[in-house]
Amino acid sequence: MGTAFVEIYVPGQKFVNGVPFPAVLSPSASAISLTDSVKANQLFLQSLLLQSGAVLFRGFPLSTASHFNDVVEAFGYDELPYVGGAAPRTNVVGRVFTANESPPDQKIPFHHEMAQVPEFPSKLFFFCEVEPGSGGETPIVLSHVVYERMKDKYPEFVERLEKHGLLYIRVLGEDDNPSSPIGRGWKSTFLTTDKAIAQQRAAKLGMKLEWLEDGVKTIMGPIPGVKYDESRQRKIWFNSMVAAYTGWEDERNDPVKAVTFGDGEPLPPDIVYDCLHILEEESVAIPWQKGDVLLIDNWAVLHSRRSFHPPRRVLASLVK
């Protein structure tokens, strides 16, 4: 791994078939800046991410959004414009955005980033600029483990999911509603104030729009609920089913109607809630420390956010 990194172990880490999840790297005695270390160790970092699914960089002297932006740039991935995602976010600097800005008392349920649209990031970075007063972890879970457990326990349900996929239905207001975890209005969702352009951008995502008096109903799908991860040759639980069913709630949205089987049939609540239980059970939640950078392979890992007592500032960057 060159001389830049030392692999360390932290409380809460798991070992899955002998592989640490997540992998945790801290600077060696001779380390240069994280930005330079990343540039000098691309192949090592790629293979570690392929193996572990997530890498936490801890103990590097990073304190600002600009430092974090430099680290993201050092990896050399293409930027992904945030079109079609549900979370309210603002651009901070360069390729860095705030993470979901929903209120601290709300949990954000497990999801693959933008799993409900066809163009989603392959990887995501999180950076802890201000560590939480308490709580506020970003639990992560290996998607193939969830798929295997669900298939073992509910083979008919999983077969149905693989056959029909899922439909996601969300009602958006015109403008952002920061008090809702899915509060992005249609203007910022489609990056336009023009309904005709919004219509075109939705169509490009395979999304149907039904305009309402004070907003729009978006219908996405049917879209697969299980995908095949080519690079690791395994099936993954790639969907926002639990997130939508348990969390897509505000004055416009009823979570139970937010997601159905692709043929429009309702999902069995007991199975959805048991899936949530499996996600929690298999997950790892390492408390944030200032300066932490967490790199997640969106093809391998679902993530969530626990509620917290402020302050807490975690920034994000999505890449193709």
C-alpha atoms as a PDB file:
ATOM      1  CA  MET A   1       0.000   0.000   0.000  1.00  0.00           C
ATOM      2  CA  GLY A   2       2.965   2.264  -0.426  1.00  0.00           C
ATOM      3  CA  THR A   3       4.148   4.124   2.648  1.00  0.00           C
ATOM      4  CA  ALA A   4       1.279   6.600   2.773  1.00  0.00           C
ATOM      5  CA  PHE A   5      -1.328   4.562   4.679  1.00  0.00           C
ATOM      6  CA  VAL A   6      -1.600   2.316   7.689  1.00  0.00           C
ATOM      7  CA  GLU A   7      -4.642   0.065   7.895  1.00  0.00           C
ATOM      8  CA  ILE A   8      -6.179   0.391  11.358  1.00  0.00           C
ATOM      9  CA  TYR A   9      -9.111  -1.198  13.176  1.00  0.00           C
ATOM     10  CA  VAL A  10     -11.812   0.770  14.939  1.00  0.00           C
ATOM     11  CA  PRO A  11     -14.638  -0.305  17.256  1.00  0.00           C
ATOM     12  CA  GLY A  12     -17.764  -1.319  15.367  1.00  0.00           C
ATOM     13  CA  GLN A  13     -15.986  -2.512  12.215  1.00  0.00           C
ATOM     14  CA  LYS A  14     -17.178  -5.881  10.868  1.00  0.00           C
ATOM     15  CA  PHE A  15     -15.356  -8.667   9.109  1.00  0.00           C
ATOM     16  CA  VAL A  16     -17.296 -10.253   6.273  1.00  0.00           C
ATOM     17  CA  ASN A  17     -15.604 -13.438   5.014  1.00  0.00           C
ATOM     18  CA  GLY A  18     -12.405 -12.155   6.600  1.00  0.00           C
ATOM     19  CA  VAL A  19     -12.566  -8.752   4.856  1.00  0.00           C
ATOM     20  CA  PRO A  20     -12.840  -5.626   7.030  1.00  0.00           C
ATOM     21  CA  PHE A  21     -15.984  -3.541   6.482  1.00  0.00           C
ATOM     22  CA  PRO A  22     -15.293  -0.717   6.103  1.00  0.00           C
ATOM     23  CA  ALA A  23     -11.535  -0.696   5.536  1.00  0.00           C
ATOM     24  CA  VAL A  24      -9.990   2.087   7.665  1.00  0.00           C
ATOM     25  CA  LEU A  25      -6.816   3.904   6.594  1.00  0.00           C
ATOM     26  CA  SER A  26      -4.847   6.422   8.608  1.00  0.00           C
ATOM     27  CA  PRO A  27      -1.637   8.271   7.706  1.00  0.00           C
ATOM     28  CA  SER A  28       1.699   6.518   8.194  1.00  0.00           C
ATOM     29  CA  ALA A  29       4.582   8.355   9.873  1.00  0.00           C
ATOM     30  CA  SER A  30       5.953   9.311   6.458  1.00  0.00           C
ATOM     31  CA  ALA A  31       2.589  10.254   4.939  1.00  0.00           C
ATOM     32  CA  ILE A  32       2.221  13.268   2.723  1.00  0.00           C
ATOM     33  CA  SER A  33      -1.164  15.026   2.428  1.00  0.00           C
ATOM     34  CA  LEU A  34      -4.195  12.825   1.784  1.00  0.00           C
ATOM     35  CA  THR A  35      -4.564  14.440  -1.655  1.00  0.00           C
ATOM     36  CA  ASP A  36      -1.019  13.429  -2.654  1.00  0.00           C
ATOM     37  CA  SER A  37      -1.355   9.999  -1.032  1.00  0.00           C
ATOM     38  CA  VAL A  38      -4.496   9.341  -3.077  1.00  0.00           C
ATOM     39  CA  LYS A  39      -2.783  10.377  -6.311  1.00  0.00           C
ATOM     40  CA  ALA A  40       0.184   8.114  -5.552  1.00  0.00           C
ATOM     41  CA  ASN A  41      -1.876   5.059  -4.557  1.00  0.00           C
ATOM     42  CA  GLN A  42      -4.741   4.892  -7.062  1.00  0.00           C
ATOM     43  CA  LEU A  43      -4.482   1.154  -7.819  1.00  0.00           C
ATOM     44  CA  PHE A  44      -4.185   0.150  -4.179  1.00  0.00           C
ATOM     45  CA  LEU A  45      -7.251   2.255  -3.265  1.00  0.00           C
ATOM     46  CA  GLN A  46      -9.285   0.887  -6.174  1.00  0.00           C
ATOM     47  CA  SER A  47      -8.584  -2.706  -5.211  1.00  0.00           C
ATOM     48  CA  LEU A  48      -9.298  -1.999  -1.511  1.00  0.00           C
ATOM     49  CA  LEU A  49     -12.637  -0.421  -2.422  1.00  0.00           C
ATOM     50  CA  LEU A  50     -13.494  -3.360  -4.685  1.00  0.00           C
ATOM     51  CA  GLN A  51     -12.735  -5.751  -1.843  1.00  0.00           C
ATOM     52  CA  SER A  52     -14.298  -3.882   1.100  1.00  0.00           C
ATOM     53  CA  GLY A  53     -17.043  -1.763  -0.507  1.00  0.00           C
ATOM     54  CA  ALA A  54     -16.208   1.230   1.710  1.00  0.00           C
ATOM     55  CA  VAL A  55     -13.029   2.949   2.893  1.00  0.00           C
ATOM     56  CA  LEU A  56     -12.802   5.346   5.828  1.00  0.00           C
ATOM     57  CA  PHE A  57      -9.828   7.753   5.851  1.00  0.00           C
ATOM     58  CA  ARG A  58      -9.235   8.842   9.445  1.00  0.00           C
ATOM     59  CA  GLY A  59      -6.601  10.999  11.136  1.00  0.00           C
ATOM     60  CA  PHE A  60      -5.619  13.148   8.148  1.00  0.00           C
ATOM     61  CA  PRO A  61      -5.394  16.913   8.733  1.00  0.00           C
ATOM     62  CA  LEU A  62      -8.474  17.968   6.744  1.00  0.00           C
ATOM     63  CA  SER A  63     -10.650  20.734   8.087  1.00  0.00           C
ATOM     64  CA  THR A  64     -12.447  22.559   5.273  1.00  0.00           C
ATOM     65  CA  ALA A  65     -14.755  21.872   2.365  1.00  0.00           C
ATOM     66  CA  SER A  66     -11.929  22.948   0.026  1.00  0.00           C
ATOM     67  CA  HIS A  67      -9.583  20.319   1.505  1.00  0.00           C
ATOM     68  CA  PHE A  68     -12.302  17.737   0.916  1.00  0.00           C
ATOM     69  CA  ASN A  69     -12.855  18.983  -2.650  1.00  0.00           C
ATOM     70  CA  ASP A  70      -9.115  18.511  -3.321  1.00  0.00           C
ATOM     71  CA  VAL A  71      -9.310  14.915  -2.083  1.00  0.00           C
ATOM     72  CA  VAL A  72     -12.325  14.175  -4.313  1.00  0.00           C
ATOM     73  CA  GLU A  73     -10.534  15.724  -7.300  1.00  0.00           C
ATOM     74  CA  ALA A  74      -7.416  13.630  -6.580  1.00  0.00           C
ATOM     75  CA  PHE A  75      -9.357  10.429  -7.292  1.00  0.00           C
ATOM     76  CA  GLY A  76      -9.999  11.662 -10.828  1.00  0.00           C
ATOM     77  CA  TYR A  77     -13.596  10.443 -11.132  1.00  0.00           C
ATOM     78  CA  ASP A  78     -16.059  12.317 -13.366  1.00  0.00           C
ATOM     79  CA  GLU A  79     -18.574  14.523 -11.610  1.00  0.00           C
ATOM     80  CA  LEU A  80     -22.232  13.482 -11.523  1.00  0.00           C
ATOM     81  CA  PRO A  81     -24.833  16.268 -11.732  1.00  0.00           C
ATOM     82  CA  TYR A  82     -27.485  15.789  -9.023  1.00  0.00           C
ATOM     83  CA  VAL A  83     -30.598  15.417 -11.244  1.00  0.00           C
ATOM     84  CA  GLY A  84     -33.561  13.386  -9.994  1.00  0.00           C
ATOM     85  CA  GLY A  85     -32.428  12.886  -6.391  1.00  0.00           C
ATOM     86  CA  ALA A  86     -34.836  13.546  -3.536  1.00  0.00           C
ATOM     87  CA  ALA A  87     -32.662  15.140  -0.856  1.00  0.00           C
ATOM     88  CA  PRO A  88     -32.477  18.895  -0.292  1.00  0.00           C
ATOM     89  CA  ARG A  89     -28.786  19.883  -0.816  1.00  0.00           C
ATOM     90  CA  THR A  90     -26.731  22.986  -1.531  1.00  0.00           C
ATOM     91  CA  ASN A  91     -23.450  23.353  -3.362  1.00  0.00           C
ATOM     92  CA  VAL A  92     -20.634  24.369  -0.994  1.00  0.00           C
ATOM     93  CA  VAL A  93     -17.513  24.538  -3.163  1.00  0.00           C
ATOM     94  CA  GLY A  94     -16.438  22.855  -6.396  1.00  0.00           C
ATOM     95  CA  ARG A  95     -17.855  19.350  -6.399  1.00  0.00           C
ATOM     96  CA  VAL A  96     -18.881  19.418  -2.749  1.00  0.00           C
ATOM     97  CA  PHE A  97     -22.490  19.585  -1.531  1.00  0.00           C
ATOM     98  CA  THR A  98     -24.138  19.487   1.854  1.00  0.00           C
ATOM     99  CA  ALA A  99     -25.414  15.997   2.666  1.00  0.00           C
ATOM    100  CA  ASN A 100     -29.211  15.673   3.087  1.00  0.00           C
ATOM    101  CA  GLU A 101     -30.279  18.778   5.031  1.00  0.00           C
ATOM    102  CA  SER A 102     -33.383  17.304   6.637  1.00  0.00           C
ATOM    103  CA  PRO A 103     -33.897  18.141  10.346  1.00  0.00           C
ATOM    104  CA  PRO A 104     -31.595  16.545  12.971  1.00  0.00           C
ATOM    105  CA  ASP A 105     -34.384  14.630  14.709  1.00  0.00           C
ATOM    106  CA  GLN A 106     -35.168  12.687  11.538  1.00  0.00           C
ATOM    107  CA  LYS A 107     -33.480   9.457  10.549  1.00  0.00           C
ATOM    108  CA  ILE A 108     -32.711   8.919   6.886  1.00  0.00           C
ATOM    109  CA  PRO A 109     -33.424   5.269   6.069  1.00  0.00           C
ATOM    110  CA  PHE A 110     -31.102   2.877   4.210  1.00  0.00           C
ATOM    111  CA  HIS A 111     -30.767   3.440   0.477  1.00  0.00           C
ATOM    112  CA  HIS A 112     -28.390   3.236  -2.437  1.00  0.00           C
ATOM    113  CA  GLU A 113     -27.817   6.800  -3.627  1.00  0.00           C
ATOM    114  CA  MET A 114     -30.412   7.675  -6.313  1.00  0.00           C
ATOM    115  CA  ALA A 115     -31.482   4.011  -6.699  1.00  0.00           C
ATOM    116  CA  GLN A 116     -34.878   5.254  -7.862  1.00  0.00           C
ATOM    117  CA  VAL A 117     -33.501   6.775 -11.094  1.00  0.00           C
ATOM    118  CA  PRO A 118     -31.555   5.115 -13.939  1.00  0.00           C
ATOM    119  CA  GLU A 119     -28.491   7.393 -13.690  1.00  0.00           C
ATOM    120  CA  PHE A 120     -26.944   7.102 -10.265  1.00  0.00           C
ATOM    121  CA  PRO A 121     -23.449   7.693  -8.885  1.00  0.00           C
ATOM    122  CA  SER A 122     -21.015   4.778  -8.843  1.00  0.00           C
ATOM    123  CA  LYS A 123     -19.342   6.152  -5.738  1.00  0.00           C
ATOM    124  CA  LEU A 124     -19.989   8.740  -3.035  1.00  0.00           C
ATOM    125  CA  PHE A 125     -17.744  10.582  -0.653  1.00  0.00           C
ATOM    126  CA  PHE A 126     -18.741  11.934   2.755  1.00  0.00           C
ATOM    127  CA  PHE A 127     -16.642  14.323   4.829  1.00  0.00           C
ATOM    128  CA  CYS A 128     -17.094  15.251   8.478  1.00  0.00           C
ATOM    129  CA  GLU A 129     -16.448  18.978   8.770  1.00  0.00           C
ATOM    130  CA  VAL A 130     -18.083  19.353  12.191  1.00  0.00           C
ATOM    131  CA  GLU A 131     -18.475  16.220  14.265  1.00  0.00           C
ATOM    132  CA  PRO A 132     -21.942  15.607  15.765  1.00  0.00           C
ATOM    133  CA  GLY A 133     -22.820  16.696  19.303  1.00  0.00           C
ATOM    134  CA  SER A 134     -24.131  13.129  19.662  1.00  0.00           C
ATOM    135  CA  GLY A 135     -25.579  10.536  17.278  1.00  0.00           C
ATOM    136  CA  GLY A 136     -25.577  11.387  13.585  1.00  0.00           C
ATOM    137  CA  GLU A 137     -23.686   8.299  12.414  1.00  0.00           C
ATOM    138  CA  THR A 138     -23.938   7.226   8.772  1.00  0.00           C
ATOM    139  CA  PRO A 139     -24.591   3.467   9.086  1.00  0.00           C
ATOM    140  CA  ILE A 140     -23.517   1.396   6.076  1.00  0.00           C
ATOM    141  CA  VAL A 141     -24.443  -2.139   5.026  1.00  0.00           C
ATOM    142  CA  LEU A 142     -23.263  -4.535   2.305  1.00  0.00           C
ATOM    143  CA  SER A 143     -25.996  -4.883  -0.292  1.00  0.00           C
ATOM    144  CA  HIS A 144     -25.281  -8.478  -1.355  1.00  0.00           C
ATOM    145  CA  VAL A 145     -25.567  -9.632   2.273  1.00  0.00           C
ATOM    146  CA  VAL A 146     -29.057  -8.068   2.470  1.00  0.00           C
ATOM    147  CA  TYR A 147     -30.022  -9.710  -0.852  1.00  0.00           C
ATOM    148  CA  GLU A 148     -28.866 -13.153   0.349  1.00  0.00           C
ATOM    149  CA  ARG A 149     -30.703 -12.876   3.674  1.00  0.00           C
ATOM    150  CA  MET A 150     -33.916 -11.675   2.010  1.00  0.00           C
ATOM    151  CA  LYS A 151     -33.753 -14.431  -0.617  1.00  0.00           C
ATOM    152  CA  ASP A 152     -33.223 -17.046   2.079  1.00  0.00           C
ATOM    153  CA  LYS A 153     -36.111 -15.827   4.176  1.00  0.00           C
ATOM    154  CA  TYR A 154     -38.613 -14.598   1.552  1.00  0.00           C
ATOM    155  CA  PRO A 155     -37.886 -16.427  -1.715  1.00  0.00           C
ATOM    156  CA  GLU A 156     -41.329 -15.705  -3.251  1.00  0.00           C
ATOM    157  CA  PHE A 157     -41.152 -12.017  -2.405  1.00  0.00           C
ATOM    158  CA  VAL A 158     -37.657 -11.694  -3.892  1.00  0.00           C
ATOM    159  CA  GLU A 159     -38.715 -13.633  -6.997  1.00  0.00           C
ATOM    160  CA  ARG A 160     -41.612 -11.208  -7.451  1.00  0.00           C
ATOM    161  CA  LEU A 161     -39.325  -8.229  -6.897  1.00  0.00           C
ATOM    162  CA  GLU A 162     -36.885  -9.551  -9.510  1.00  0.00           C
ATOM    163  CA  LYS A 163     -39.708 -10.176 -11.974  1.00  0.00           C
ATOM    164  CA  HIS A 164     -41.697  -6.932 -11.598  1.00  0.00           C
ATOM    165  CA  GLY A 165     -39.270  -4.403 -10.117  1.00  0.00           C
ATOM    166  CA  LEU A 166     -40.638  -1.398  -8.233  1.00  0.00           C
ATOM    167  CA  LEU A 167     -42.649   1.746  -8.940  1.00  0.00           C
ATOM    168  CA  TYR A 168     -41.762   4.894  -6.978  1.00  0.00           C
ATOM    169  CA  ILE A 169     -44.369   7.643  -6.655  1.00  0.00           C
ATOM    170  CA  ARG A 170     -43.520  11.014  -5.169  1.00  0.00           C
ATOM    171  CA  VAL A 171     -45.393  14.317  -5.075  1.00  0.00           C
ATOM    172  CA  LEU A 172     -43.102  17.352  -5.324  1.00  0.00           C
ATOM    173  CA  GLY A 173     -43.949  20.929  -4.482  1.00  0.00           C
ATOM    174  CA  GLU A 174     -42.681  23.793  -6.575  1.00  0.00           C
ATOM    175  CA  ASP A 175     -39.903  24.866  -4.164  1.00  0.00           C
ATOM    176  CA  ASP A 176     -37.731  23.024  -1.660  1.00  0.00           C
ATOM    177  CA  ASN A 177     -39.203  22.155   1.720  1.00  0.00           C
ATOM    178  CA  PRO A 178     -36.231  21.871   4.112  1.00  0.00           C
ATOM    179  CA  SER A 179     -38.377  20.340   6.872  1.00  0.00           C
ATOM    180  CA  SER A 180     -38.956  17.212   4.750  1.00  0.00           C
ATOM    181  CA  PRO A 181     -36.328  14.492   4.122  1.00  0.00           C
ATOM    182  CA  ILE A 182     -37.637  14.264   0.536  1.00  0.00           C
ATOM    183  CA  GLY A 183     -38.344  17.965   0.308  1.00  0.00           C
ATOM    184  CA  ARG A 184     -36.684  18.812  -2.993  1.00  0.00           C
ATOM    185  CA  GLY A 185     -39.139  20.789  -5.122  1.00  0.00           C
ATOM    186  CA  TRP A 186     -39.501  20.039  -8.828  1.00  0.00           C
ATOM    187  CA  LYS A 187     -37.512  23.128  -9.840  1.00  0.00           C
ATOM    188  CA  SER A 188     -34.359  22.001  -8.070  1.00  0.00           C
ATOM    189  CA  THR A 189     -35.008  18.304  -8.837  1.00  0.00           C
ATOM    190  CA  PHE A 190     -34.922  19.011 -12.565  1.00  0.00           C
ATOM    191  CA  LEU A 191     -32.651  22.091 -12.315  1.00  0.00           C
ATOM    192  CA  THR A 192     -35.125  24.327 -14.199  1.00  0.00           C
ATOM    193  CA  THR A 193     -38.134  26.613 -13.663  1.00  0.00           C
ATOM    194  CA  ASP A 194     -39.628  25.625 -17.022  1.00  0.00           C
ATOM    195  CA  LYS A 195     -42.239  22.844 -16.936  1.00  0.00           C
ATOM    196  CA  ALA A 196     -41.487  21.809 -20.520  1.00  0.00           C
ATOM    197  CA  ILE A 197     -37.783  21.334 -19.703  1.00  0.00           C
ATOM    198  CA  ALA A 198     -38.694  19.485 -16.492  1.00  0.00           C
ATOM    199  CA  GLN A 199     -40.908  17.216 -18.610  1.00  0.00           C
ATOM    200  CA  GLN A 200     -38.001  16.469 -21.005  1.00  0.00           C
ATOM    201  CA  ARG A 201     -35.554  15.779 -18.172  1.00  0.00           C
ATOM    202  CA  ALA A 202     -38.054  13.498 -16.448  1.00  0.00           C
ATOM    203  CA  ALA A 203     -38.658  11.618 -19.709  1.00  0.00           C
ATOM    204  CA  LYS A 204     -34.922  11.121 -20.083  1.00  0.00           C
ATOM    205  CA  LEU A 205     -34.922   9.438 -16.659  1.00  0.00           C
ATOM    206  CA  GLY A 206     -37.908   7.299 -17.699  1.00  0.00           C
ATOM    207  CA  MET A 207     -40.096   9.218 -15.256  1.00  0.00           C
ATOM    208  CA  LYS A 208     -43.715  10.213 -15.914  1.00  0.00           C
ATOM    209  CA  LEU A 209     -45.010  13.546 -14.595  1.00  0.00           C
ATOM    210  CA  GLU A 210     -48.601  14.444 -13.697  1.00  0.00           C
ATOM    211  CA  TRP A 211     -48.883  18.168 -13.035  1.00  0.00           C
ATOM    212  CA  LEU A 212     -50.983  19.238 -10.037  1.00  0.00           C
ATOM    213  CA  GLU A 213     -52.227  22.663  -8.974  1.00  0.00           C
ATOM    214  CA  ASP A 214     -49.295  23.256  -6.629  1.00  0.00           C
ATOM    215  CA  GLY A 215     -46.710  20.751  -7.774  1.00  0.00           C
ATOM    216  CA  VAL A 216     -46.216  17.531  -9.677  1.00  0.00           C
ATOM    217  CA  LYS A 217     -46.677  13.805  -9.139  1.00  0.00           C
ATOM    218  CA  THR A 218     -43.674  11.811 -10.380  1.00  0.00           C
ATOM    219  CA  ILE A 219     -44.021   8.152 -11.344  1.00  0.00           C
ATOM    220  CA  MET A 220     -40.758   6.288 -11.743  1.00  0.00           C
ATOM    221  CA  GLY A 221     -40.563   2.782 -13.064  1.00  0.00           C
ATOM    222  CA  PRO A 222     -41.029  -0.038 -13.154  1.00  0.00           C
ATOM    223  CA  ILE A 223     -37.339  -0.067 -12.246  1.00  0.00           C
ATOM    224  CA  PRO A 224     -35.346  -3.117 -11.045  1.00  0.00           C
ATOM    225  CA  GLY A 225     -35.210  -3.721  -7.278  1.00  0.00           C
ATOM    226  CA  VAL A 226     -32.279  -6.101  -7.591  1.00  0.00           C
ATOM    227  CA  LYS A 227     -29.234  -5.478  -9.787  1.00  0.00           C
ATOM    228  CA  TYR A 228     -26.202  -7.477 -10.763  1.00  0.00           C
ATOM    229  CA  ASP A 229     -22.853  -6.046  -9.715  1.00  0.00           C
ATOM    230  CA  GLU A 230     -20.617  -6.953 -12.664  1.00  0.00           C
ATOM    231  CA  SER A 231     -17.337  -6.065 -10.979  1.00  0.00           C
ATOM    232  CA  ARG A 232     -17.993  -8.389  -8.013  1.00  0.00           C
ATOM    233  CA  GLN A 233     -20.242 -10.845  -9.882  1.00  0.00           C
ATOM    234  CA  ARG A 234     -23.083 -10.936  -7.392  1.00  0.00           C
ATOM    235  CA  LYS A 235     -26.656  -9.764  -6.988  1.00  0.00           C
ATOM    236  CA  ILE A 236     -27.320  -6.697  -4.867  1.00  0.00           C
ATOM    237  CA  TRP A 237     -30.343  -5.287  -3.041  1.00  0.00           C
ATOM    238  CA  PHE A 238     -30.295  -2.110  -5.125  1.00  0.00           C
ATOM    239  CA  ASN A 239     -33.455  -0.173  -4.313  1.00  0.00           C
ATOM    240  CA  SER A 240     -35.042   2.493  -2.136  1.00  0.00           C
ATOM    241  CA  MET A 241     -37.916   0.250  -1.056  1.00  0.00           C
ATOM    242  CA  VAL A 242     -37.440   0.516   2.708  1.00  0.00           C
ATOM    243  CA  ALA A 243     -36.494   4.210   2.480  1.00  0.00           C
ATOM    244  CA  ALA A 244     -39.625   5.063   0.495  1.00  0.00           C
ATOM    245  CA  TYR A 245     -42.011   2.814   2.452  1.00  0.00           C
ATOM    246  CA  THR A 246     -40.868   3.953   5.898  1.00  0.00           C
ATOM    247  CA  GLY A 247     -39.525   7.441   5.253  1.00  0.00           C
ATOM    248  CA  TRP A 248     -41.057   9.243   2.266  1.00  0.00           C
ATOM    249  CA  GLU A 249     -43.525  11.084   4.391  1.00  0.00           C
ATOM    250  CA  ASP A 250     -44.522  14.733   4.440  1.00  0.00           C
ATOM    251  CA  GLU A 251     -47.699  16.733   3.872  1.00  0.00           C
ATOM    252  CA  ARG A 252     -47.771  15.669   0.209  1.00  0.00           C
ATOM    253  CA  ASN A 253     -46.623  12.051   0.482  1.00  0.00           C
ATOM    254  CA  ASP A 254     -47.958   8.878   2.089  1.00  0.00           C
ATOM    255  CA  PRO A 255     -45.036   6.431   2.350  1.00  0.00           C
ATOM    256  CA  VAL A 256     -47.217   3.328   1.862  1.00  0.00           C
ATOM    257  CA  LYS A 257     -48.249   4.662  -1.560  1.00  0.00           C
ATOM    258  CA  ALA A 258     -44.704   5.863  -2.365  1.00  0.00           C
ATOM    259  CA  VAL A 259     -43.489   2.444  -3.517  1.00  0.00           C
ATOM    260  CA  THR A 260     -45.264  -0.616  -4.952  1.00  0.00           C
ATOM    261  CA  PHE A 261     -44.357  -3.631  -7.029  1.00  0.00           C
ATOM    262  CA  GLY A 262     -43.789  -2.679 -10.665  1.00  0.00           C
ATOM    263  CA  ASP A 263     -47.247  -4.010 -11.560  1.00  0.00           C
ATOM    264  CA  GLY A 264     -48.859  -1.614  -9.054  1.00  0.00           C
ATOM    265  CA  GLU A 265     -49.571  -4.264  -6.393  1.00  0.00           C
ATOM    266  CA  PRO A 266     -48.910  -3.100  -2.806  1.00  0.00           C
ATOM    267  CA  LEU A 267     -45.897  -4.411  -0.902  1.00  0.00           C
ATOM    268  CA  PRO A 268     -46.464  -6.628   2.174  1.00  0.00           C
ATOM    269  CA  PRO A 269     -45.733  -4.355   5.177  1.00  0.00           C
ATOM    270  CA  ASP A 270     -44.403  -7.143   7.424  1.00  0.00           C
ATOM    271  CA  ILE A 271     -41.726  -8.068   4.856  1.00  0.00           C
ATOM    272  CA  VAL A 272     -40.702  -4.443   4.280  1.00  0.00           C
ATOM    273  CA  TYR A 273     -40.310  -3.900   8.038  1.00  0.00           C
ATOM    274  CA  ASP A 274     -38.397  -7.149   8.437  1.00  0.00           C
ATOM    275  CA  CYS A 275     -36.076  -6.009   5.649  1.00  0.00           C
ATOM    276  CA  LEU A 276     -35.482  -2.821   7.670  1.00  0.00           C
ATOM    277  CA  HIS A 277     -34.617  -5.043  10.650  1.00  0.00           C
ATOM    278  CA  ILE A 278     -32.117  -7.046   8.522  1.00  0.00           C
ATOM    279  CA  LEU A 279     -30.523  -3.813   7.240  1.00  0.00           C
ATOM    280  CA  GLU A 280     -30.072  -2.559  10.818  1.00  0.00           C
ATOM    281  CA  GLU A 281     -28.721  -5.893  12.015  1.00  0.00           C
ATOM    282  CA  GLU A 282     -26.087  -6.167   9.263  1.00  0.00           C
ATOM    283  CA  SER A 283     -25.030  -2.528   9.370  1.00  0.00           C
ATOM    284  CA  VAL A 284     -21.932  -0.827  10.769  1.00  0.00           C
ATOM    285  CA  ALA A 285     -22.175   2.638  12.329  1.00  0.00           C
ATOM    286  CA  ILE A 286     -18.806   4.196  13.158  1.00  0.00           C
ATOM    287  CA  PRO A 287     -19.186   7.564  14.935  1.00  0.00           C
ATOM    288  CA  TRP A 288     -17.885  10.507  12.880  1.00  0.00           C
ATOM    289  CA  GLN A 289     -14.680  12.286  13.841  1.00  0.00           C
ATOM    290  CA  LYS A 290     -13.713  15.665  12.436  1.00  0.00           C
ATOM    291  CA  GLY A 291     -11.719  15.280   9.205  1.00  0.00           C
ATOM    292  CA  ASP A 292     -13.055  11.773   8.402  1.00  0.00           C
ATOM    293  CA  VAL A 293     -13.582  11.000   4.714  1.00  0.00           C
ATOM    294  CA  LEU A 294     -15.766   8.005   3.897  1.00  0.00           C
ATOM    295  CA  LEU A 295     -15.650   6.640   0.353  1.00  0.00           C
ATOM    296  CA  ILE A 296     -18.586   4.339  -0.475  1.00  0.00           C
ATOM    297  CA  ASP A 297     -18.993   2.159  -3.542  1.00  0.00           C
ATOM    298  CA  ASN A 298     -22.665   2.743  -4.385  1.00  0.00           C
ATOM    299  CA  TRP A 299     -22.719  -0.636  -6.203  1.00  0.00           C
ATOM    300  CA  ALA A 300     -21.843  -2.506  -3.008  1.00  0.00           C
ATOM    301  CA  VAL A 301     -23.166  -0.563  -0.032  1.00  0.00           C
ATOM    302  CA  LEU A 302     -26.396   1.070   1.207  1.00  0.00           C
ATOM    303  CA  HIS A 303     -26.141   3.985   3.637  1.00  0.00           C
ATOM    304  CA  SER A 304     -28.414   5.859   6.041  1.00  0.00           C
ATOM    305  CA  ARG A 305     -28.232   8.582   8.703  1.00  0.00           C
ATOM    306  CA  ARG A 306     -29.134   8.435  12.360  1.00  0.00           C
ATOM    307  CA  SER A 307     -30.758  11.362  14.126  1.00  0.00           C
ATOM    308  CA  PHE A 308     -28.420  13.649  16.075  1.00  0.00           C
ATOM    309  CA  HIS A 309     -27.974  16.568  18.436  1.00  0.00           C
ATOM    310  CA  PRO A 310     -26.363  19.498  16.604  1.00  0.00           C
ATOM    311  CA  PRO A 311     -23.924  20.679  15.687  1.00  0.00           C
ATOM    312  CA  ARG A 312     -23.071  18.338  12.786  1.00  0.00           C
ATOM    313  CA  ARG A 313     -21.889  19.134   9.299  1.00  0.00           C
ATOM    314  CA  VAL A 314     -21.247  16.318   6.887  1.00  0.00           C
ATOM    315  CA  LEU A 315     -20.533  17.174   3.272  1.00  0.00           C
ATOM    316  CA  ALA A 316     -20.924  14.931   0.234  1.00  0.00           C
ATOM    317  CA  SER A 317     -19.714  14.506  -3.311  1.00  0.00           C
ATOM    318  CA  LEU A 318     -21.223  12.155  -5.927  1.00  0.00           C
ATOM    319  CA  VAL A 319     -19.220  10.793  -8.834  1.00  0.00           C
ATOM    320  CA  LYS A 320     -20.055   8.909 -12.024  1.00  0.00           C
END
